Amino acid sequence: MILKPLIALVAASVLAMKLTQHLGRQQLQRRAKDDHQRQRDDVHRWEGEGGNLPPTPQR
């Protein structure tokens, strides 16, 4: 009698846990992709501004 609801509860809990893990993994992948794009944009902007400029000679 109580076995079926207990099995259903455990199954629902496992599904919810798997869904949460999947969504968290997707968010991490999206964040890594965004960070990579942001870093690439920063490098292009830095290069456009001249990159490492040679040191000015001191007098």
PDB file of N, CA and C in Angstrom:
ATOM      1  N   MET A   1       0.816  -1.202   0.000  1.00  0.00           N
ATOM      2  CA  MET A   1       0.000   0.000   0.000  1.00  0.00           C
ATOM      3  C   MET A   1       0.860   1.268   0.000  1.00  0.00           C
ATOM      4  N   ILE A   2       1.782   1.337   0.923  1.00  0.00           N
ATOM      5  CA  ILE A   2       2.605   2.551   1.015  1.00  0.00           C
ATOM      6  C   ILE A   2       3.820   2.469   0.087  1.00  0.00           C
ATOM      7  N   LEU A   3       4.029   1.304  -0.509  1.00  0.00           N
ATOM      8  CA  LEU A   3       5.204   1.099  -1.340  1.00  0.00           C
ATOM      9  C   LEU A   3       5.146   1.906  -2.638  1.00  0.00           C
ATOM     10  N   LYS A   4       4.013   1.934  -3.308  1.00  0.00           N
ATOM     11  CA  LYS A   4       3.900   2.661  -4.576  1.00  0.00           C
ATOM     12  C   LYS A   4       4.127   4.174  -4.407  1.00  0.00           C
ATOM     13  N   PRO A   5       3.513   4.818  -3.433  1.00  0.00           N
ATOM     14  CA  PRO A   5       3.791   6.254  -3.260  1.00  0.00           C
ATOM     15  C   PRO A   5       5.246   6.529  -2.891  1.00  0.00           C
ATOM     16  N   LEU A   6       5.847   5.632  -2.129  1.00  0.00           N
ATOM     17  CA  LEU A   6       7.249   5.801  -1.744  1.00  0.00           C
ATOM     18  C   LEU A   6       8.159   5.692  -2.976  1.00  0.00           C
ATOM     19  N   ILE A   7       7.884   4.705  -3.828  1.00  0.00           N
ATOM     20  CA  ILE A   7       8.664   4.550  -5.055  1.00  0.00           C
ATOM     21  C   ILE A   7       8.464   5.767  -5.955  1.00  0.00           C
ATOM     22  N   ALA A   8       7.248   6.272  -6.052  1.00  0.00           N
ATOM     23  CA  ALA A   8       6.966   7.450  -6.868  1.00  0.00           C
ATOM     24  C   ALA A   8       7.699   8.671  -6.324  1.00  0.00           C
ATOM     25  N   LEU A   9       7.750   8.819  -5.019  1.00  0.00           N
ATOM     26  CA  LEU A   9       8.446   9.933  -4.395  1.00  0.00           C
ATOM     27  C   LEU A   9       9.953   9.864  -4.678  1.00  0.00           C
ATOM     28  N   VAL A  10      10.526   8.682  -4.547  1.00  0.00           N
ATOM     29  CA  VAL A  10      11.954   8.509  -4.811  1.00  0.00           C
ATOM     30  C   VAL A  10      12.247   8.790  -6.288  1.00  0.00           C
ATOM     31  N   ALA A  11      11.407   8.286  -7.186  1.00  0.00           N
ATOM     32  CA  ALA A  11      11.614   8.509  -8.613  1.00  0.00           C
ATOM     33  C   ALA A  11      11.512   9.994  -8.952  1.00  0.00           C
ATOM     34  N   ALA A  12      10.538  10.678  -8.381  1.00  0.00           N
ATOM     35  CA  ALA A  12      10.386  12.110  -8.635  1.00  0.00           C
ATOM     36  C   ALA A  12      11.590  12.881  -8.085  1.00  0.00           C
ATOM     37  N   SER A  13      12.091  12.480  -6.946  1.00  0.00           N
ATOM     38  CA  SER A  13      13.261  13.142  -6.358  1.00  0.00           C
ATOM     39  C   SER A  13      14.498  12.950  -7.226  1.00  0.00           C
ATOM     40  N   VAL A  14      14.682  11.746  -7.739  1.00  0.00           N
ATOM     41  CA  VAL A  14      15.828  11.470  -8.600  1.00  0.00           C
ATOM     42  C   VAL A  14      15.720  12.282  -9.885  1.00  0.00           C
ATOM     43  N   LEU A  15      14.536  12.351 -10.468  1.00  0.00           N
ATOM     44  CA  LEU A  15      14.349  13.138 -11.686  1.00  0.00           C
ATOM     45  C   LEU A  15      14.616  14.621 -11.441  1.00  0.00           C
ATOM     46  N   ALA A  16      14.144  15.121 -10.326  1.00  0.00           N
ATOM     47  CA  ALA A  16      14.386  16.531  -9.999  1.00  0.00           C
ATOM     48  C   ALA A  16      15.877  16.794  -9.807  1.00  0.00           C
ATOM     49  N   MET A  17      16.586  15.866  -9.165  1.00  0.00           N
ATOM     50  CA  MET A  17      18.018  16.018  -8.955  1.00  0.00           C
ATOM     51  C   MET A  17      18.757  16.015 -10.292  1.00  0.00           C
ATOM     52  N   LYS A  18      18.389  15.080 -11.176  1.00  0.00           N
ATOM     53  CA  LYS A  18      19.034  15.006 -12.487  1.00  0.00           C
ATOM     54  C   LYS A  18      18.770  16.282 -13.295  1.00  0.00           C
ATOM     55  N   LEU A  19      17.560  16.794 -13.244  1.00  0.00           N
ATOM     56  CA  LEU A  19      17.220  18.016 -13.963  1.00  0.00           C
ATOM     57  C   LEU A  19      18.039  19.193 -13.430  1.00  0.00           C
ATOM     58  N   THR A  20      18.169  19.290 -12.121  1.00  0.00           N
ATOM     59  CA  THR A  20      18.944  20.363 -11.502  1.00  0.00           C
ATOM     60  C   THR A  20      20.409  20.265 -11.914  1.00  0.00           C
ATOM     61  N   GLN A  21      20.971  19.074 -11.922  1.00  0.00           N
ATOM     62  CA  GLN A  21      22.362  18.885 -12.336  1.00  0.00           C
ATOM     63  C   GLN A  21      22.545  19.273 -13.800  1.00  0.00           C
ATOM     64  N   HIS A  22      21.607  18.879 -14.643  1.00  0.00           N
ATOM     65  CA  HIS A  22      21.689  19.187 -16.076  1.00  0.00           C
ATOM     66  C   HIS A  22      21.644  20.694 -16.309  1.00  0.00           C
ATOM     67  N   LEU A  23      20.732  21.370 -15.649  1.00  0.00           N
ATOM     68  CA  LEU A  23      20.620  22.814 -15.821  1.00  0.00           C
ATOM     69  C   LEU A  23      21.861  23.527 -15.289  1.00  0.00           C
ATOM     70  N   GLY A  24      22.407  23.063 -14.189  1.00  0.00           N
ATOM     71  CA  GLY A  24      23.631  23.651 -13.650  1.00  0.00           C
ATOM     72  C   GLY A  24      24.801  23.466 -14.590  1.00  0.00           C
ATOM     73  N   ARG A  25      24.895  22.299 -15.205  1.00  0.00           N
ATOM     74  CA  ARG A  25      25.967  22.022 -16.152  1.00  0.00           C
ATOM     75  C   ARG A  25      25.837  22.921 -17.387  1.00  0.00           C
ATOM     76  N   GLN A  26      24.607  23.106 -17.869  1.00  0.00           N
ATOM     77  CA  GLN A  26      24.386  23.994 -19.013  1.00  0.00           C
ATOM     78  C   GLN A  26      24.794  25.424 -18.681  1.00  0.00           C
ATOM     79  N   GLN A  27      24.467  25.868 -17.474  1.00  0.00           N
ATOM     80  CA  GLN A  27      24.816  27.230 -17.072  1.00  0.00           C
ATOM     81  C   GLN A  27      26.328  27.404 -17.012  1.00  0.00           C
ATOM     82  N   LEU A  28      27.040  26.398 -16.504  1.00  0.00           N
ATOM     83  CA  LEU A  28      28.506  26.478 -16.447  1.00  0.00           C
ATOM     84  C   LEU A  28      29.114  26.535 -17.846  1.00  0.00           C
ATOM     85  N   GLN A  29      28.569  25.735 -18.767  1.00  0.00           N
ATOM     86  CA  GLN A  29      29.078  25.752 -20.133  1.00  0.00           C
ATOM     87  C   GLN A  29      28.811  27.098 -20.791  1.00  0.00           C
ATOM     88  N   ARG A  30      27.640  27.654 -20.560  1.00  0.00           N
ATOM     89  CA  ARG A  30      27.300  28.951 -21.137  1.00  0.00           C
ATOM     90  C   ARG A  30      28.216  30.039 -20.575  1.00  0.00           C
ATOM     91  N   ARG A  31      28.465  29.982 -19.265  1.00  0.00           N
ATOM     92  CA  ARG A  31      29.335  30.973 -18.627  1.00  0.00           C
ATOM     93  C   ARG A  31      30.759  30.873 -19.172  1.00  0.00           C
ATOM     94  N   ALA A  32      31.260  29.645 -19.356  1.00  0.00           N
ATOM     95  CA  ALA A  32      32.608  29.464 -19.896  1.00  0.00           C
ATOM     96  C   ALA A  32      32.691  30.016 -21.316  1.00  0.00           C
ATOM     97  N   LYS A  33      31.650  29.783 -22.114  1.00  0.00           N
ATOM     98  CA  LYS A  33      31.641  30.294 -23.482  1.00  0.00           C
ATOM     99  C   LYS A  33      31.617  31.822 -23.474  1.00  0.00           C
ATOM    100  N   ASP A  34      30.807  32.411 -22.597  1.00  0.00           N
ATOM    101  CA  ASP A  34      30.737  33.868 -22.496  1.00  0.00           C
ATOM    102  C   ASP A  34      32.069  34.455 -22.033  1.00  0.00           C
ATOM    103  N   ASP A  35      32.721  33.796 -21.066  1.00  0.00           N
ATOM    104  CA  ASP A  35      34.021  34.270 -20.580  1.00  0.00           C
ATOM    105  C   ASP A  35      35.065  34.217 -21.686  1.00  0.00           C
ATOM    106  N   HIS A  36      35.030  33.156 -22.482  1.00  0.00           N
ATOM    107  CA  HIS A  36      35.985  33.032 -23.580  1.00  0.00           C
ATOM    108  C   HIS A  36      35.768  34.149 -24.603  1.00  0.00           C
ATOM    109  N   GLN A  37      34.511  34.410 -24.940  1.00  0.00           N
ATOM    110  CA  GLN A  37      34.202  35.473 -25.900  1.00  0.00           C
ATOM    111  C   GLN A  37      34.619  36.836 -25.347  1.00  0.00           C
ATOM    112  N   ARG A  38      34.369  37.073 -24.061  1.00  0.00           N
ATOM    113  CA  ARG A  38      34.735  38.342 -23.434  1.00  0.00           C
ATOM    114  C   ARG A  38      36.252  38.528 -23.437  1.00  0.00           C
ATOM    115  N   GLN A  39      36.998  37.460 -23.153  1.00  0.00           N
ATOM    116  CA  GLN A  39      38.452  37.548 -23.156  1.00  0.00           C
ATOM    117  C   GLN A  39      38.962  37.837 -24.569  1.00  0.00           C
ATOM    118  N   ARG A  40      38.382  37.188 -25.574  1.00  0.00           N
ATOM    119  CA  ARG A  40      38.793  37.420 -26.955  1.00  0.00           C
ATOM    120  C   ARG A  40      38.513  38.865 -27.361  1.00  0.00           C
ATOM    121  N   ASP A  41      37.355  39.385 -26.959  1.00  0.00           N
ATOM    122  CA  ASP A  41      37.038  40.785 -27.256  1.00  0.00           C
ATOM    123  C   ASP A  41      38.020  41.734 -26.567  1.00  0.00           C
ATOM    124  N   ASP A  42      38.375  41.424 -25.328  1.00  0.00           N
ATOM    125  CA  ASP A  42      39.340  42.260 -24.599  1.00  0.00           C
ATOM    126  C   ASP A  42      40.696  42.275 -25.298  1.00  0.00           C
ATOM    127  N   VAL A  43      41.134  41.111 -25.786  1.00  0.00           N
ATOM    128  CA  VAL A  43      42.427  41.030 -26.462  1.00  0.00           C
ATOM    129  C   VAL A  43      42.386  41.840 -27.759  1.00  0.00           C
ATOM    130  N   HIS A  44      41.285  41.722 -28.506  1.00  0.00           N
ATOM    131  CA  HIS A  44      41.182  42.485 -29.749  1.00  0.00           C
ATOM    132  C   HIS A  44      41.169  43.989 -29.477  1.00  0.00           C
ATOM    133  N   ARG A  45      40.476  44.399 -28.434  1.00  0.00           N
ATOM    134  CA  ARG A  45      40.440  45.822 -28.085  1.00  0.00           C
ATOM    135  C   ARG A  45      41.826  46.289 -27.654  1.00  0.00           C
ATOM    136  N   TRP A  46      42.519  45.472 -26.848  1.00  0.00           N
ATOM    137  CA  TRP A  46      43.856  45.796 -26.366  1.00  0.00           C
ATOM    138  C   TRP A  46      44.821  45.924 -27.549  1.00  0.00           C
ATOM    139  N   GLU A  47      44.721  44.985 -28.511  1.00  0.00           N
ATOM    140  CA  GLU A  47      45.589  45.057 -29.681  1.00  0.00           C
ATOM    141  C   GLU A  47      45.263  46.282 -30.523  1.00  0.00           C
ATOM    142  N   GLY A  48      43.980  46.626 -30.620  1.00  0.00           N
ATOM    143  CA  GLY A  48      43.570  47.800 -31.373  1.00  0.00           C
ATOM    144  C   GLY A  48      44.080  49.092 -30.754  1.00  0.00           C
ATOM    145  N   GLU A  49      44.271  49.063 -29.446  1.00  0.00           N
ATOM    146  CA  GLU A  49      44.777  50.254 -28.746  1.00  0.00           C
ATOM    147  C   GLU A  49      46.304  50.309 -28.754  1.00  0.00           C
ATOM    148  N   GLY A  50      46.950  49.342 -29.364  1.00  0.00           N
ATOM    149  CA  GLY A  50      48.406  49.390 -29.472  1.00  0.00           C
ATOM    150  C   GLY A  50      49.118  48.302 -28.704  1.00  0.00           C
ATOM    151  N   GLY A  51      48.416  47.521 -27.920  1.00  0.00           N
ATOM    152  CA  GLY A  51      49.063  46.438 -27.166  1.00  0.00           C
ATOM    153  C   GLY A  51      50.064  46.984 -26.171  1.00  0.00           C
ATOM    154  N   ASN A  52      51.149  46.269 -26.011  1.00  0.00           N
ATOM    155  CA  ASN A  52      52.220  46.723 -25.121  1.00  0.00           C
ATOM    156  C   ASN A  52      53.051  47.758 -25.865  1.00  0.00           C
ATOM    157  N   LEU A  53      52.944  48.975 -25.467  1.00  0.00           N
ATOM    158  CA  LEU A  53      53.724  50.029 -26.091  1.00  0.00           C
ATOM    159  C   LEU A  53      55.162  49.976 -25.582  1.00  0.00           C
ATOM    160  N   PRO A  54      56.123  50.309 -26.427  1.00  0.00           N
ATOM    161  CA  PRO A  54      57.517  50.285 -25.951  1.00  0.00           C
ATOM    162  C   PRO A  54      57.709  51.331 -24.876  1.00  0.00           C
ATOM    163  N   PRO A  55      58.599  51.070 -23.939  1.00  0.00           N
ATOM    164  CA  PRO A  55      58.805  52.055 -22.852  1.00  0.00           C
ATOM    165  C   PRO A  55      59.399  53.338 -23.406  1.00  0.00           C
ATOM    166  N   THR A  56      58.980  54.434 -22.835  1.00  0.00           N
ATOM    167  CA  THR A  56      59.505  55.735 -23.274  1.00  0.00           C
ATOM    168  C   THR A  56      60.897  55.914 -22.671  1.00  0.00           C
ATOM    169  N   PRO A  57      61.831  56.404 -23.479  1.00  0.00           N
ATOM    170  CA  PRO A  57      63.199  56.599 -22.943  1.00  0.00           C
ATOM    171  C   PRO A  57      63.208  57.701 -21.894  1.00  0.00           C
ATOM    172  N   GLN A  58      63.964  57.462 -20.845  1.00  0.00           N
ATOM    173  CA  GLN A  58      64.056  58.472 -19.792  1.00  0.00           C
ATOM    174  C   GLN A  58      65.206  59.424 -20.083  1.00  0.00           C
ATOM    175  N   ARG A  59      65.007  60.672 -19.730  1.00  0.00           N
ATOM    176  CA  ARG A  59      66.027  61.678 -20.023  1.00  0.00           C
ATOM    177  C   ARG A  59      66.877  61.946 -18.817  1.00  0.00           C
TER     178      ARG A  59
END
